[in-house]
Amino acid sequence: MALITFFTEVDDLVIDTDRISYEELEAIEEQTDRTWGEWSMGLEKVRIKDVRILFWLAKRRIEAELRFDDCEFDPASVEIGIASSPPKNREQRRASAKATRVPKVNP
């Protein structure tokens, strides 16, 4: 899949969808009651719950005890960038994701 960056007001959360652990795969199945393949198809279609789960996984790598129900995800305040290779710093992340950025969602 790809390297996904969630641009938030506080920081950038980066997750490589090709490097998701077995524990994270199990968490995806628990939250969605779907397989990795089914979930990743929803992610490609930008299904909001699937995007929220990916955001939660990225945050959980920083806050290990974060529960899905406690993870606040406001699509109107988060921009999502998609890149094919890992940038070295924040400026490169923003520049490489700019062309493939998913627009903010306005509820």
Protein backbone atom coordinates (compact mmCIF):
# COMPACT_ATOMS: atom_id res chain seq x y z
CA MET A 1 0.00 0.00 0.00
CA ALA A 2 1.74 3.24 1.08
CA LEU A 3 3.25 5.53 3.66
CA ILE A 4 0.41 7.53 5.22
CA THR A 5 0.94 10.78 7.12
CA PHE A 6 -1.77 12.33 9.27
CA PHE A 7 -1.03 16.06 9.50
CA THR A 8 -2.52 17.27 12.79
CA GLU A 9 -2.24 20.59 14.62
CA VAL A 10 0.07 18.98 17.17
CA ASP A 11 2.32 16.72 15.09
CA ASP A 12 2.55 14.44 12.09
CA LEU A 13 1.67 10.78 12.58
CA VAL A 14 3.32 8.53 10.01
CA ILE A 15 2.45 4.89 9.41
CA ASP A 16 3.68 2.53 6.72
CA THR A 17 0.79 0.27 5.76
CA ASP A 18 3.29 -2.34 4.57
CA ARG A 19 4.75 -2.61 8.08
CA ILE A 20 1.75 -3.30 10.30
CA SER A 21 2.45 -5.80 13.08
CA TYR A 22 0.44 -8.94 13.79
CA GLU A 23 -0.84 -7.31 16.97
CA GLU A 24 -2.07 -4.35 14.92
CA LEU A 25 -3.65 -6.70 12.36
CA GLU A 26 -5.53 -8.42 15.18
CA ALA A 27 -6.65 -5.02 16.50
CA ILE A 28 -7.96 -4.13 13.02
CA GLU A 29 -9.94 -7.39 12.91
CA GLU A 30 -11.31 -6.80 16.42
CA GLN A 31 -12.47 -3.26 15.59
CA THR A 32 -13.90 -4.02 12.15
CA ASP A 33 -14.82 -7.71 12.23
CA ARG A 34 -13.14 -7.88 8.81
CA THR A 35 -9.90 -9.35 7.51
CA TRP A 36 -6.81 -7.29 6.65
CA GLY A 37 -7.68 -7.54 2.95
CA GLU A 38 -11.25 -6.39 3.46
CA TRP A 39 -10.09 -3.54 5.70
CA SER A 40 -7.39 -2.39 3.29
CA MET A 41 -9.95 -2.25 0.46
CA GLY A 42 -12.07 0.04 2.65
CA LEU A 43 -9.00 2.15 3.32
CA GLU A 44 -8.34 2.53 -0.41
CA LYS A 45 -11.94 3.71 -0.84
CA VAL A 46 -11.38 6.21 2.02
CA ARG A 47 -14.03 4.63 4.24
CA ILE A 48 -13.92 6.93 7.28
CA LYS A 49 -13.90 4.20 9.95
CA ASP A 50 -11.00 2.48 8.19
CA VAL A 51 -9.08 5.76 8.06
CA ARG A 52 -9.88 6.35 11.75
CA ILE A 53 -8.50 2.90 12.61
CA LEU A 54 -5.26 3.68 10.78
CA PHE A 55 -5.05 7.01 12.64
CA TRP A 56 -5.59 5.13 15.93
CA LEU A 57 -2.83 2.64 15.07
CA ALA A 58 -0.43 5.50 14.31
CA LYS A 59 -1.31 7.23 17.61
CA ARG A 60 -1.11 3.96 19.52
CA ARG A 61 2.52 3.58 18.48
CA ILE A 62 3.15 6.71 20.57
CA GLU A 63 0.52 6.10 23.28
CA ALA A 64 0.57 2.31 23.73
CA GLU A 65 -2.46 2.16 26.04
CA LEU A 66 -4.75 4.25 23.80
CA ARG A 67 -8.08 2.51 23.26
CA PHE A 68 -9.91 2.86 19.96
CA ASP A 69 -12.99 4.33 21.64
CA ASP A 70 -10.79 6.96 23.32
CA CYS A 71 -9.05 8.04 20.11
CA GLU A 72 -10.55 11.27 18.87
CA PHE A 73 -10.42 11.66 15.11
CA ASP A 74 -11.85 14.80 13.57
CA PRO A 75 -11.58 14.49 9.78
CA ALA A 76 -12.18 18.23 9.46
CA SER A 77 -8.94 19.02 11.33
CA VAL A 78 -6.67 16.30 9.93
CA GLU A 79 -5.10 16.23 6.49
CA ILE A 80 -3.89 12.93 5.08
CA GLY A 81 -0.83 12.64 2.85
CA ILE A 82 0.10 9.55 0.87
CA ALA A 83 3.68 8.88 -0.23
CA SER A 84 5.43 5.87 -1.72
CA SER A 85 8.75 6.31 0.12
CA PRO A 86 9.68 7.59 3.59
CA PRO A 87 10.66 11.28 3.69
CA LYS A 88 13.45 12.31 6.08
CA ASN A 89 11.83 15.24 7.87
CA ARG A 90 8.58 17.19 8.33
CA GLU A 91 9.20 19.51 5.36
CA GLN A 92 9.90 16.58 3.04
CA ARG A 93 6.81 14.74 4.35
CA ARG A 94 4.64 17.75 3.57
CA ALA A 95 6.24 18.32 0.17
CA SER A 96 6.06 14.67 -0.93
CA ALA A 97 2.50 14.26 0.27
CA LYS A 98 1.25 17.57 -1.16
CA ALA A 99 0.56 16.17 -4.61
CA THR A 100 -1.35 13.17 -3.25
CA ARG A 101 -2.99 14.79 -0.26
CA VAL A 102 -6.55 13.77 0.52
CA PRO A 103 -8.58 16.94 1.10
CA LYS A 104 -10.01 17.78 4.48
CA VAL A 105 -13.52 16.55 5.09
CA ASN A 106 -16.06 19.20 5.97
CA PRO A 107 -18.92 17.67 7.95
